Each structure stands twice: as structure tokens, then as C-alpha cells.
PDB file of N, CA and C in Angstrom:
ATOM      1  N   MET A   1    -149.342  76.120 -69.428  1.00  0.00           N
ATOM      2  CA  MET A   1    -150.347  76.320 -70.458  1.00  0.00           C
ATOM      3  C   MET A   1    -150.312  77.787 -70.871  1.00  0.00           C
ATOM      4  N   SER A   2    -150.435  78.025 -72.153  1.00  0.00           N
ATOM      5  CA  SER A   2    -150.430  79.378 -72.676  1.00  0.00           C
ATOM      6  C   SER A   2    -151.732  80.082 -72.330  1.00  0.00           C
ATOM      7  N   PRO A   3    -151.665  81.362 -71.940  1.00  0.00           N
ATOM      8  CA  PRO A   3    -152.890  82.089 -71.601  1.00  0.00           C
ATOM      9  C   PRO A   3    -153.861  82.177 -72.765  1.00  0.00           C
ATOM     10  N   GLU A   4    -153.348  82.263 -73.984  1.00  0.00           N
ATOM     11  CA  GLU A   4    -154.250  82.368 -75.138  1.00  0.00           C
ATOM     12  C   GLU A   4    -154.999  81.066 -75.420  1.00  0.00           C
ATOM     13  N   ARG A   5    -154.636  79.995 -74.784  1.00  0.00           N
ATOM     14  CA  ARG A   5    -155.286  78.705 -74.982  1.00  0.00           C
ATOM     15  C   ARG A   5    -156.431  78.474 -73.989  1.00  0.00           C
ATOM     16  N   VAL A   6    -156.736  79.478 -73.168  1.00  0.00           N
ATOM     17  CA  VAL A   6    -157.802  79.327 -72.187  1.00  0.00           C
ATOM     18  C   VAL A   6    -159.015  80.118 -72.671  1.00  0.00           C
ATOM     19  N   LEU A   7    -159.993  79.428 -73.193  1.00  0.00           N
ATOM     20  CA  LEU A   7    -161.229  80.061 -73.651  1.00  0.00           C
ATOM     21  C   LEU A   7    -162.418  79.356 -73.021  1.00  0.00           C
ATOM     22  N   ARG A   8    -163.361  80.125 -72.571  1.00  0.00           N
ATOM     23  CA  ARG A   8    -164.572  79.542 -72.006  1.00  0.00           C
ATOM     24  C   ARG A   8    -165.383  78.883 -73.112  1.00  0.00           C
ATOM     25  N   ARG A   9    -165.997  77.763 -72.781  1.00  0.00           N
ATOM     26  CA  ARG A   9    -166.822  77.056 -73.763  1.00  0.00           C
ATOM     27  C   ARG A   9    -167.974  77.917 -74.249  1.00  0.00           C
ATOM     28  N   GLU A  10    -168.527  78.736 -73.362  1.00  0.00           N
ATOM     29  CA  GLU A  10    -169.644  79.600 -73.749  1.00  0.00           C
ATOM     30  C   GLU A  10    -169.206  80.592 -74.828  1.00  0.00           C
ATOM     31  N   LEU A  11    -168.000  81.125 -74.688  1.00  0.00           N
ATOM     32  CA  LEU A  11    -167.483  82.054 -75.681  1.00  0.00           C
ATOM     33  C   LEU A  11    -167.300  81.345 -77.022  1.00  0.00           C
ATOM     34  N   ILE A  12    -166.769  80.144 -76.981  1.00  0.00           N
ATOM     35  CA  ILE A  12    -166.577  79.380 -78.215  1.00  0.00           C
ATOM     36  C   ILE A  12    -167.929  79.105 -78.875  1.00  0.00           C
ATOM     37  N   ARG A  13    -168.935  78.716 -78.075  1.00  0.00           N
ATOM     38  CA  ARG A  13    -170.276  78.475 -78.631  1.00  0.00           C
ATOM     39  C   ARG A  13    -170.859  79.742 -79.242  1.00  0.00           C
ATOM     40  N   ASP A  14    -170.683  80.882 -78.563  1.00  0.00           N
ATOM     41  CA  ASP A  14    -171.197  82.155 -79.081  1.00  0.00           C
ATOM     42  C   ASP A  14    -170.530  82.514 -80.403  1.00  0.00           C
ATOM     43  N   LEU A  15    -169.214  82.339 -80.463  1.00  0.00           N
ATOM     44  CA  LEU A  15    -168.498  82.625 -81.707  1.00  0.00           C
ATOM     45  C   LEU A  15    -168.949  81.687 -82.827  1.00  0.00           C
ATOM     46  N   ASP A  16    -169.154  80.421 -82.489  1.00  0.00           N
ATOM     47  CA  ASP A  16    -169.617  79.444 -83.476  1.00  0.00           C
ATOM     48  C   ASP A  16    -170.977  79.855 -84.034  1.00  0.00           C
ATOM     49  N   ARG A  17    -171.897  80.237 -83.150  1.00  0.00           N
ATOM     50  CA  ARG A  17    -173.232  80.662 -83.605  1.00  0.00           C
ATOM     51  C   ARG A  17    -173.145  81.885 -84.505  1.00  0.00           C
ATOM     52  N   LEU A  18    -172.295  82.825 -84.141  1.00  0.00           N
ATOM     53  CA  LEU A  18    -172.129  84.039 -84.929  1.00  0.00           C
ATOM     54  C   LEU A  18    -171.596  83.728 -86.326  1.00  0.00           C
ATOM     55  N   VAL A  19    -170.589  82.892 -86.396  1.00  0.00           N
ATOM     56  CA  VAL A  19    -169.938  82.577 -87.671  1.00  0.00           C
ATOM     57  C   VAL A  19    -170.804  81.677 -88.556  1.00  0.00           C
ATOM     58  N   THR A  20    -171.469  80.713 -87.951  1.00  0.00           N
ATOM     59  CA  THR A  20    -172.209  79.727 -88.750  1.00  0.00           C
ATOM     60  C   THR A  20    -173.682  80.046 -88.896  1.00  0.00           C
ATOM     61  N   ALA A  21    -174.153  81.096 -88.236  1.00  0.00           N
ATOM     62  CA  ALA A  21    -175.578  81.442 -88.237  1.00  0.00           C
ATOM     63  C   ALA A  21    -176.412  80.234 -87.804  1.00  0.00           C
ATOM     64  N   ASP A  22    -175.867  79.469 -86.875  1.00  0.00           N
ATOM     65  CA  ASP A  22    -176.525  78.286 -86.321  1.00  0.00           C
ATOM     66  C   ASP A  22    -176.760  77.163 -87.338  1.00  0.00           C
ATOM     67  N   LEU A  23    -176.071  77.197 -88.465  1.00  0.00           N
ATOM     68  CA  LEU A  23    -176.146  76.080 -89.412  1.00  0.00           C
ATOM     69  C   LEU A  23    -175.389  74.904 -88.818  1.00  0.00           C
ATOM     70  N   ARG A  24    -175.899  73.710 -89.005  1.00  0.00           N
ATOM     71  CA  ARG A  24    -175.258  72.505 -88.485  1.00  0.00           C
ATOM     72  C   ARG A  24    -175.188  71.458 -89.578  1.00  0.00           C
ATOM     73  N   PRO A  25    -174.071  70.758 -89.669  1.00  0.00           N
ATOM     74  CA  PRO A  25    -173.987  69.673 -90.653  1.00  0.00           C
ATOM     75  C   PRO A  25    -174.866  68.500 -90.234  1.00  0.00           C
ATOM     76  N   ASP A  26    -175.221  67.670 -91.189  1.00  0.00           N
ATOM     77  CA  ASP A  26    -175.978  66.457 -90.893  1.00  0.00           C
ATOM     78  C   ASP A  26    -175.133  65.465 -90.110  1.00  0.00           C
ATOM     79  N   LEU A  27    -173.834  65.513 -90.321  1.00  0.00           N
ATOM     80  CA  LEU A  27    -172.948  64.535 -89.705  1.00  0.00           C
ATOM     81  C   LEU A  27    -171.634  65.193 -89.326  1.00  0.00           C
ATOM     82  N   THR A  28    -171.187  64.916 -88.122  1.00  0.00           N
ATOM     83  CA  THR A  28    -169.856  65.298 -87.676  1.00  0.00           C
ATOM     84  C   THR A  28    -169.191  64.033 -87.146  1.00  0.00           C
ATOM     85  N   ILE A  29    -168.064  63.679 -87.741  1.00  0.00           N
ATOM     86  CA  ILE A  29    -167.328  62.502 -87.301  1.00  0.00           C
ATOM     87  C   ILE A  29    -166.219  62.969 -86.368  1.00  0.00           C
ATOM     88  N   LEU A  30    -166.263  62.472 -85.157  1.00  0.00           N
ATOM     89  CA  LEU A  30    -165.261  62.807 -84.153  1.00  0.00           C
ATOM     90  C   LEU A  30    -164.290  61.639 -84.049  1.00  0.00           C
ATOM     91  N   LEU A  31    -163.063  61.867 -84.488  1.00  0.00           N
ATOM     92  CA  LEU A  31    -162.021  60.850 -84.379  1.00  0.00           C
ATOM     93  C   LEU A  31    -161.450  60.941 -82.976  1.00  0.00           C
ATOM     94  N   ASP A  32    -161.751  59.965 -82.151  1.00  0.00           N
ATOM     95  CA  ASP A  32    -161.391  59.998 -80.740  1.00  0.00           C
ATOM     96  C   ASP A  32    -160.230  59.059 -80.449  1.00  0.00           C
ATOM     97  N   ILE A  33    -159.287  59.581 -79.693  1.00  0.00           N
ATOM     98  CA  ILE A  33    -158.148  58.791 -79.244  1.00  0.00           C
ATOM     99  C   ILE A  33    -157.698  59.353 -77.901  1.00  0.00           C
ATOM    100  N   ASP A  34    -157.152  58.509 -77.067  1.00  0.00           N
ATOM    101  CA  ASP A  34    -156.591  58.948 -75.802  1.00  0.00           C
ATOM    102  C   ASP A  34    -155.641  60.115 -76.084  1.00  0.00           C
ATOM    103  N   ALA A  35    -155.722  61.155 -75.265  1.00  0.00           N
ATOM    104  CA  ALA A  35    -154.937  62.366 -75.513  1.00  0.00           C
ATOM    105  C   ALA A  35    -153.436  62.085 -75.592  1.00  0.00           C
ATOM    106  N   ALA A  36    -152.917  61.244 -74.718  1.00  0.00           N
ATOM    107  CA  ALA A  36    -151.481  60.950 -74.733  1.00  0.00           C
ATOM    108  C   ALA A  36    -151.083  60.233 -76.018  1.00  0.00           C
ATOM    109  N   ALA A  37    -151.908  59.292 -76.464  1.00  0.00           N
ATOM    110  CA  ALA A  37    -151.601  58.557 -77.697  1.00  0.00           C
ATOM    111  C   ALA A  37    -151.682  59.480 -78.913  1.00  0.00           C
ATOM    112  N   GLY A  38    -152.693  60.321 -78.960  1.00  0.00           N
ATOM    113  CA  GLY A  38    -152.832  61.253 -80.078  1.00  0.00           C
ATOM    114  C   GLY A  38    -151.697  62.254 -80.120  1.00  0.00           C
ATOM    115  N   LEU A  39    -151.302  62.744 -78.955  1.00  0.00           N
ATOM    116  CA  LEU A  39    -150.205  63.691 -78.880  1.00  0.00           C
ATOM    117  C   LEU A  39    -148.895  63.041 -79.316  1.00  0.00           C
ATOM    118  N   SER A  40    -148.698  61.795 -78.929  1.00  0.00           N
ATOM    119  CA  SER A  40    -147.502  61.066 -79.343  1.00  0.00           C
ATOM    120  C   SER A  40    -147.460  60.910 -80.862  1.00  0.00           C
ATOM    121  N   ARG A  41    -148.604  60.567 -81.441  1.00  0.00           N
ATOM    122  CA  ARG A  41    -148.675  60.451 -82.909  1.00  0.00           C
ATOM    123  C   ARG A  41    -148.330  61.775 -83.579  1.00  0.00           C
ATOM    124  N   ALA A  42    -148.945  62.852 -83.091  1.00  0.00           N
ATOM    125  CA  ALA A  42    -148.730  64.162 -83.708  1.00  0.00           C
ATOM    126  C   ALA A  42    -147.276  64.602 -83.592  1.00  0.00           C
ATOM    127  N   ARG A  43    -146.699  64.398 -82.425  1.00  0.00           N
ATOM    128  CA  ARG A  43    -145.297  64.791 -82.249  1.00  0.00           C
ATOM    129  C   ARG A  43    -144.379  63.958 -83.130  1.00  0.00           C
ATOM    130  N   GLY A  44    -144.681  62.672 -83.268  1.00  0.00           N
ATOM    131  CA  GLY A  44    -143.894  61.818 -84.155  1.00  0.00           C
ATOM    132  C   GLY A  44    -144.001  62.258 -85.603  1.00  0.00           C
ATOM    133  N   ARG A  45    -145.217  62.601 -86.021  1.00  0.00           N
ATOM    134  CA  ARG A  45    -145.439  63.071 -87.394  1.00  0.00           C
ATOM    135  C   ARG A  45    -144.670  64.372 -87.625  1.00  0.00           C
ATOM    136  N   ASN A  46    -144.710  65.274 -86.656  1.00  0.00           N
ATOM    137  CA  ASN A  46    -143.974  66.538 -86.801  1.00  0.00           C
ATOM    138  C   ASN A  46    -142.480  66.302 -86.863  1.00  0.00           C
ATOM    139  N   SER A  47    -141.991  65.384 -86.044  1.00  0.00           N
ATOM    140  CA  SER A  47    -140.568  65.084 -86.011  1.00  0.00           C
ATOM    141  C   SER A  47    -140.105  64.502 -87.355  1.00  0.00           C
ATOM    142  N   ARG A  48    -140.886  63.573 -87.882  1.00  0.00           N
ATOM    143  CA  ARG A  48    -140.525  62.967 -89.171  1.00  0.00           C
ATOM    144  C   ARG A  48    -140.572  63.987 -90.307  1.00  0.00           C
ATOM    145  N   GLY A  49    -141.469  64.959 -90.195  1.00  0.00           N
ATOM    146  CA  GLY A  49    -141.616  65.953 -91.261  1.00  0.00           C
ATOM    147  C   GLY A  49    -140.801  67.211 -91.053  1.00  0.00           C
ATOM    148  N   GLY A  50    -140.004  67.255 -89.981  1.00  0.00           N
ATOM    149  CA  GLY A  50    -139.196  68.442 -89.709  1.00  0.00           C
ATOM    150  C   GLY A  50    -140.039  69.647 -89.317  1.00  0.00           C
ATOM    151  N   LEU A  51    -141.184  69.405 -88.685  1.00  0.00           N
ATOM    152  CA  LEU A  51    -142.113  70.492 -88.366  1.00  0.00           C
ATOM    153  C   LEU A  51    -142.123  70.879 -86.890  1.00  0.00           C
ATOM    154  N   GLU A  52    -141.083  70.548 -86.154  1.00  0.00           N
ATOM    155  CA  GLU A  52    -141.074  70.830 -84.713  1.00  0.00           C
ATOM    156  C   GLU A  52    -141.319  72.306 -84.410  1.00  0.00           C
ATOM    157  N   ALA A  53    -140.767  73.204 -85.231  1.00  0.00           N
ATOM    158  CA  ALA A  53    -140.925  74.644 -84.992  1.00  0.00           C
ATOM    159  C   ALA A  53    -142.365  75.097 -85.196  1.00  0.00           C
ATOM    160  N   GLU A  54    -143.142  74.353 -85.951  1.00  0.00           N
ATOM    161  CA  GLU A  54    -144.534  74.702 -86.232  1.00  0.00           C
ATOM    162  C   GLU A  54    -145.502  74.021 -85.280  1.00  0.00           C
ATOM    163  N   ALA A  55    -145.013  73.374 -84.253  1.00  0.00           N
ATOM    164  CA  ALA A  55    -145.831  72.509 -83.406  1.00  0.00           C
ATOM    165  C   ALA A  55    -146.307  73.193 -82.129  1.00  0.00           C
ATOM    166  N   ARG A  56    -146.747  74.425 -82.229  1.00  0.00           N
ATOM    167  CA  ARG A  56    -147.186  75.136 -81.019  1.00  0.00           C
ATOM    168  C   ARG A  56    -148.306  74.387 -80.313  1.00  0.00           C
ATOM    169  N   PHE A  57    -149.254  73.892 -81.071  1.00  0.00           N
ATOM    170  CA  PHE A  57    -150.382  73.172 -80.486  1.00  0.00           C
ATOM    171  C   PHE A  57    -149.897  71.886 -79.819  1.00  0.00           C
ATOM    172  N   GLU A  58    -149.028  71.164 -80.491  1.00  0.00           N
ATOM    173  CA  GLU A  58    -148.511  69.906 -79.957  1.00  0.00           C
ATOM    174  C   GLU A  58    -147.594  70.120 -78.748  1.00  0.00           C
ATOM    175  N   ASN A  59    -147.079  71.319 -78.588  1.00  0.00           N
ATOM    176  CA  ASN A  59    -146.197  71.596 -77.461  1.00  0.00           C
ATOM    177  C   ASN A  59    -146.958  71.962 -76.186  1.00  0.00           C
ATOM    178  N   GLU A  60    -148.263  72.062 -76.276  1.00  0.00           N
ATOM    179  CA  GLU A  60    -149.058  72.305 -75.077  1.00  0.00           C
ATOM    180  C   GLU A  60    -148.975  71.085 -74.164  1.00  0.00           C
ATOM    181  N   HIS A  61    -149.222  71.298 -72.882  1.00  0.00           N
ATOM    182  CA  HIS A  61    -149.192  70.209 -71.902  1.00  0.00           C
ATOM    183  C   HIS A  61    -150.290  69.187 -72.188  1.00  0.00           C
ATOM    184  N   LEU A  62    -150.046  67.974 -71.738  1.00  0.00           N
ATOM    185  CA  LEU A  62    -151.024  66.900 -71.908  1.00  0.00           C
ATOM    186  C   LEU A  62    -152.376  67.282 -71.312  1.00  0.00           C
ATOM    187  N   SER A  63    -152.384  67.978 -70.194  1.00  0.00           N
ATOM    188  CA  SER A  63    -153.647  68.359 -69.560  1.00  0.00           C
ATOM    189  C   SER A  63    -154.495  69.232 -70.487  1.00  0.00           C
ATOM    190  N   PHE A  64    -153.858  70.078 -71.279  1.00  0.00           N
ATOM    191  CA  PHE A  64    -154.578  70.887 -72.264  1.00  0.00           C
ATOM    192  C   PHE A  64    -155.267  69.986 -73.277  1.00  0.00           C
ATOM    193  N   HIS A  65    -154.542  69.021 -73.802  1.00  0.00           N
ATOM    194  CA  HIS A  65    -155.097  68.115 -74.809  1.00  0.00           C
ATOM    195  C   HIS A  65    -156.217  67.252 -74.229  1.00  0.00           C
ATOM    196  N   GLU A  66    -156.080  66.885 -72.964  1.00  0.00           N
ATOM    197  CA  GLU A  66    -157.153  66.116 -72.320  1.00  0.00           C
ATOM    198  C   GLU A  66    -158.417  66.960 -72.195  1.00  0.00           C
ATOM    199  N   ARG A  67    -158.264  68.250 -71.879  1.00  0.00           N
ATOM    200  CA  ARG A  67    -159.432  69.138 -71.788  1.00  0.00           C
ATOM    201  C   ARG A  67    -160.075  69.344 -73.155  1.00  0.00           C
ATOM    202  N   VAL A  68    -159.254  69.499 -74.183  1.00  0.00           N
ATOM    203  CA  VAL A  68    -159.796  69.667 -75.540  1.00  0.00           C
ATOM    204  C   VAL A  68    -160.574  68.415 -75.946  1.00  0.00           C
ATOM    205  N   ARG A  69    -159.999  67.260 -75.709  1.00  0.00           N
ATOM    206  CA  ARG A  69    -160.687  65.997 -76.026  1.00  0.00           C
ATOM    207  C   ARG A  69    -162.005  65.916 -75.282  1.00  0.00           C
ATOM    208  N   GLN A  70    -161.984  66.223 -73.998  1.00  0.00           N
ATOM    209  CA  GLN A  70    -163.213  66.164 -73.207  1.00  0.00           C
ATOM    210  C   GLN A  70    -164.252  67.150 -73.733  1.00  0.00           C
ATOM    211  N   GLY A  71    -163.809  68.303 -74.173  1.00  0.00           N
ATOM    212  CA  GLY A  71    -164.725  69.293 -74.754  1.00  0.00           C
ATOM    213  C   GLY A  71    -165.431  68.754 -75.982  1.00  0.00           C
ATOM    214  N   TYR A  72    -164.683  68.089 -76.856  1.00  0.00           N
ATOM    215  CA  TYR A  72    -165.294  67.500 -78.052  1.00  0.00           C
ATOM    216  C   TYR A  72    -166.234  66.356 -77.690  1.00  0.00           C
ATOM    217  N   LEU A  73    -165.845  65.543 -76.724  1.00  0.00           N
ATOM    218  CA  LEU A  73    -166.736  64.452 -76.307  1.00  0.00           C
ATOM    219  C   LEU A  73    -168.013  65.004 -75.680  1.00  0.00           C
ATOM    220  N   ASP A  74    -167.906  66.112 -74.962  1.00  0.00           N
ATOM    221  CA  ASP A  74    -169.094  66.762 -74.401  1.00  0.00           C
ATOM    222  C   ASP A  74    -170.014  67.245 -75.518  1.00  0.00           C
ATOM    223  N   LEU A  75    -169.439  67.858 -76.546  1.00  0.00           N
ATOM    224  CA  LEU A  75    -170.246  68.294 -77.691  1.00  0.00           C
ATOM    225  C   LEU A  75    -170.968  67.113 -78.331  1.00  0.00           C
ATOM    226  N   ALA A  76    -170.261  66.015 -78.470  1.00  0.00           N
ATOM    227  CA  ALA A  76    -170.869  64.823 -79.085  1.00  0.00           C
ATOM    228  C   ALA A  76    -172.027  64.303 -78.239  1.00  0.00           C
ATOM    229  N   ARG A  77    -171.891  64.360 -76.929  1.00  0.00           N
ATOM    230  CA  ARG A  77    -172.986  63.915 -76.044  1.00  0.00           C
ATOM    231  C   ARG A  77    -174.181  64.862 -76.130  1.00  0.00           C
ATOM    232  N   GLN A  78    -173.923  66.151 -76.355  1.00  0.00           N
ATOM    233  CA  GLN A  78    -174.997  67.131 -76.450  1.00  0.00           C
ATOM    234  C   GLN A  78    -175.774  67.012 -77.755  1.00  0.00           C
ATOM    235  N   GLU A  79    -175.127  66.505 -78.797  1.00  0.00           N
ATOM    236  CA  GLU A  79    -175.771  66.378 -80.110  1.00  0.00           C
ATOM    237  C   GLU A  79    -175.572  64.968 -80.673  1.00  0.00           C
ATOM    238  N   PRO A  80    -176.142  63.965 -80.008  1.00  0.00           N
ATOM    239  CA  PRO A  80    -175.907  62.580 -80.433  1.00  0.00           C
ATOM    240  C   PRO A  80    -176.478  62.260 -81.816  1.00  0.00           C
ATOM    241  N   GLY A  81    -177.445  63.007 -82.272  1.00  0.00           N
ATOM    242  CA  GLY A  81    -177.991  62.766 -83.603  1.00  0.00           C
ATOM    243  C   GLY A  81    -177.065  63.194 -84.715  1.00  0.00           C
ATOM    244  N   ARG A  82    -176.151  64.087 -84.420  1.00  0.00           N
ATOM    245  CA  ARG A  82    -175.231  64.605 -85.429  1.00  0.00           C
ATOM    246  C   ARG A  82    -173.859  63.961 -85.350  1.00  0.00           C
ATOM    247  N   PHE A  83    -173.365  63.745 -84.159  1.00  0.00           N
ATOM    248  CA  PHE A  83    -172.007  63.239 -83.987  1.00  0.00           C
ATOM    249  C   PHE A  83    -171.956  61.722 -84.053  1.00  0.00           C
ATOM    250  N   ARG A  84    -170.897  61.217 -84.669  1.00  0.00           N
ATOM    251  CA  ARG A  84    -170.536  59.810 -84.583  1.00  0.00           C
ATOM    252  C   ARG A  84    -169.099  59.790 -84.088  1.00  0.00           C
ATOM    253  N   ILE A  85    -168.876  59.071 -83.021  1.00  0.00           N
ATOM    254  CA  ILE A  85    -167.535  58.976 -82.458  1.00  0.00           C
ATOM    255  C   ILE A  85    -166.867  57.720 -83.014  1.00  0.00           C
ATOM    256  N   VAL A  86    -165.703  57.917 -83.600  1.00  0.00           N
ATOM    257  CA  VAL A  86    -164.941  56.816 -84.181  1.00  0.00           C
ATOM    258  C   VAL A  86    -163.653  56.662 -83.381  1.00  0.00           C
ATOM    259  N   ASP A  87    -163.392  55.459 -82.938  1.00  0.00           N
ATOM    260  CA  ASP A  87    -162.143  55.161 -82.231  1.00  0.00           C
ATOM    261  C   ASP A  87    -160.997  55.301 -83.226  1.00  0.00           C
ATOM    262  N   ALA A  88    -160.114  56.258 -82.979  1.00  0.00           N
ATOM    263  CA  ALA A  88    -159.014  56.528 -83.903  1.00  0.00           C
ATOM    264  C   ALA A  88    -157.733  55.796 -83.520  1.00  0.00           C
ATOM    265  N   SER A  89    -157.800  54.903 -82.538  1.00  0.00           N
ATOM    266  CA  SER A  89    -156.580  54.206 -82.121  1.00  0.00           C
ATOM    267  C   SER A  89    -156.195  53.031 -83.018  1.00  0.00           C
ATOM    268  N   PRO A  90    -157.128  52.371 -83.732  1.00  0.00           N
ATOM    269  CA  PRO A  90    -156.709  51.292 -84.632  1.00  0.00           C
ATOM    270  C   PRO A  90    -155.896  51.833 -85.817  1.00  0.00           C
ATOM    271  N   PRO A  91    -155.359  50.937 -86.631  1.00  0.00           N
ATOM    272  CA  PRO A  91    -154.624  51.373 -87.827  1.00  0.00           C
ATOM    273  C   PRO A  91    -155.509  52.222 -88.744  1.00  0.00           C
ATOM    274  N   PRO A  92    -154.884  53.119 -89.522  1.00  0.00           N
ATOM    275  CA  PRO A  92    -155.653  54.035 -90.377  1.00  0.00           C
ATOM    276  C   PRO A  92    -156.674  53.346 -91.290  1.00  0.00           C
ATOM    277  N   GLY A  93    -156.345  52.204 -91.842  1.00  0.00           N
ATOM    278  CA  GLY A  93    -157.287  51.517 -92.736  1.00  0.00           C
ATOM    279  C   GLY A  93    -158.554  51.103 -92.014  1.00  0.00           C
ATOM    280  N   THR A  94    -158.424  50.673 -90.786  1.00  0.00           N
ATOM    281  CA  THR A  94    -159.583  50.284 -89.988  1.00  0.00           C
ATOM    282  C   THR A  94    -160.452  51.502 -89.688  1.00  0.00           C
ATOM    283  N   VAL A  95    -159.813  52.616 -89.336  1.00  0.00           N
ATOM    284  CA  VAL A  95    -160.542  53.850 -89.060  1.00  0.00           C
ATOM    285  C   VAL A  95    -161.254  54.321 -90.332  1.00  0.00           C
ATOM    286  N   GLN A  96    -160.560  54.270 -91.450  1.00  0.00           N
ATOM    287  CA  GLN A  96    -161.138  54.678 -92.730  1.00  0.00           C
ATOM    288  C   GLN A  96    -162.369  53.833 -93.065  1.00  0.00           C
ATOM    289  N   ASN A  97    -162.291  52.545 -92.848  1.00  0.00           N
ATOM    290  CA  ASN A  97    -163.436  51.672 -93.127  1.00  0.00           C
ATOM    291  C   ASN A  97    -164.633  52.022 -92.252  1.00  0.00           C
ATOM    292  N   GLU A  98    -164.392  52.353 -91.010  1.00  0.00           N
ATOM    293  CA  GLU A  98    -165.482  52.733 -90.107  1.00  0.00           C
ATOM    294  C   GLU A  98    -166.120  54.047 -90.556  1.00  0.00           C
ATOM    295  N   ILE A  99    -165.303  55.000 -90.961  1.00  0.00           N
ATOM    296  CA  ILE A  99    -165.837  56.274 -91.457  1.00  0.00           C
ATOM    297  C   ILE A  99    -166.670  56.029 -92.709  1.00  0.00           C
ATOM    298  N   ARG A 100    -166.163  55.217 -93.605  1.00  0.00           N
ATOM    299  CA  ARG A 100    -166.889  54.905 -94.838  1.00  0.00           C
ATOM    300  C   ARG A 100    -168.237  54.255 -94.510  1.00  0.00           C
ATOM    301  N   ARG A 101    -168.259  53.342 -93.547  1.00  0.00           N
ATOM    302  CA  ARG A 101    -169.509  52.680 -93.159  1.00  0.00           C
ATOM    303  C   ARG A 101    -170.525  53.702 -92.631  1.00  0.00           C
ATOM    304  N   ILE A 102    -170.067  54.617 -91.800  1.00  0.00           N
ATOM    305  CA  ILE A 102    -170.947  55.634 -91.227  1.00  0.00           C
ATOM    306  C   ILE A 102    -171.516  56.538 -92.317  1.00  0.00           C
ATOM    307  N   VAL A 103    -170.667  56.989 -93.224  1.00  0.00           N
ATOM    308  CA  VAL A 103    -171.117  57.869 -94.308  1.00  0.00           C
ATOM    309  C   VAL A 103    -172.078  57.129 -95.235  1.00  0.00           C
ATOM    310  N   ASP A 104    -171.746  55.899 -95.580  1.00  0.00           N
ATOM    311  CA  ASP A 104    -172.639  55.111 -96.437  1.00  0.00           C
ATOM    312  C   ASP A 104    -174.002  54.929 -95.779  1.00  0.00           C
ATOM    313  N   GLU A 105    -174.000  54.673 -94.485  1.00  0.00           N
ATOM    314  CA  GLU A 105    -175.253  54.498 -93.742  1.00  0.00           C
ATOM    315  C   GLU A 105    -176.098  55.770 -93.796  1.00  0.00           C
ATOM    316  N   LEU A 106    -175.467  56.919 -93.615  1.00  0.00           N
ATOM    317  CA  LEU A 106    -176.186  58.196 -93.673  1.00  0.00           C
ATOM    318  C   LEU A 106    -176.730  58.438 -95.071  1.00  0.00           C
ATOM    319  N   LEU A 107    -175.919  58.205 -96.089  1.00  0.00           N
ATOM    320  CA  LEU A 107    -176.352  58.441 -97.454  1.00  0.00           C
ATOM    321  C   LEU A 107    -177.496  57.501 -97.847  1.00  0.00           C
ATOM    322  N   SER A 108    -177.443  56.273 -97.395  1.00  0.00           N
ATOM    323  CA  SER A 108    -178.526  55.318 -97.682  1.00  0.00           C
ATOM    324  C   SER A 108    -179.815  55.755 -97.023  1.00  0.00           C
ATOM    325  N   ALA A 109    -179.735  56.300 -95.825  1.00  0.00           N
ATOM    326  CA  ALA A 109    -180.924  56.759 -95.109  1.00  0.00           C
ATOM    327  C   ALA A 109    -181.534  57.989 -95.768  1.00  0.00           C
ATOM    328  N   LYS A 110    -180.741  58.765 -96.492  1.00  0.00           N
ATOM    329  CA  LYS A 110    -181.213  59.994 -97.145  1.00  0.00           C
ATOM    330  C   LYS A 110    -181.917  59.719 -98.468  1.00  0.00           C
ATOM    331  N   LYS A 111    -181.798  58.494 -99.000  1.00  0.00           N
ATOM    332  CA  LYS A 111    -182.401  58.173-100.304  1.00  0.00           C
ATOM    333  C   LYS A 111    -183.891  58.056-100.207  1.00  0.00           C
TER     334      LYS A 111
END
């Protein structure tokens, strides 16, 4: 694992507060997928697009990606009113339909 990829969550939260002035969106959609499956997709996409040299993030170890995923899931648990977790493992059209349903539901509630 690269040393620059090790950041404490508290530091990330502090930087987020500084940059956003504690503003929060009404909705954050977290596209969740098993780290190994997501990494496989990303590496395949990079390979097909000739982007292997640009894949520093994708070249990190699986354990790094598992920690990043867990970090996002932890954030979602801390703010359940804002986050919606969408299973990103089905085909893209299915994921898109779920996102559309969530957004439509939020917009209908705001009327």
C-alpha cells in the first residue's frame, strides 16, 4: 500500500468540514459493490480503454479498496437520513432504475 493512501478518517472529516463549511446534500447515493468485483470492473474498463498507466488507484491492493468501501459504508450508517445505498452489482440498467426511483421519491417528498 502506498504511504500517501493512508489517511486518518478524522483528518478526512476535518478537511471535509473546512472545505464544505459543514454543508450537506439532501441525498447521497452510495453505489456499493464488493471490493473485488468493483476492482475487477475498473481494471477491465481501464484495460479496454488503454488506461492502465493512469490506474494508480486501481493498482492499490484489494485490502485498500476494502477499507475504502468500509469507510463509505460507515459514513452511510452515521447519516442514514442522507445516504441511500444502492447495490451496484446488477446490470447498469437495473442500478439506474433504482437510482431514478430514489431520486423521484425524494423529489416527490419535497413537493
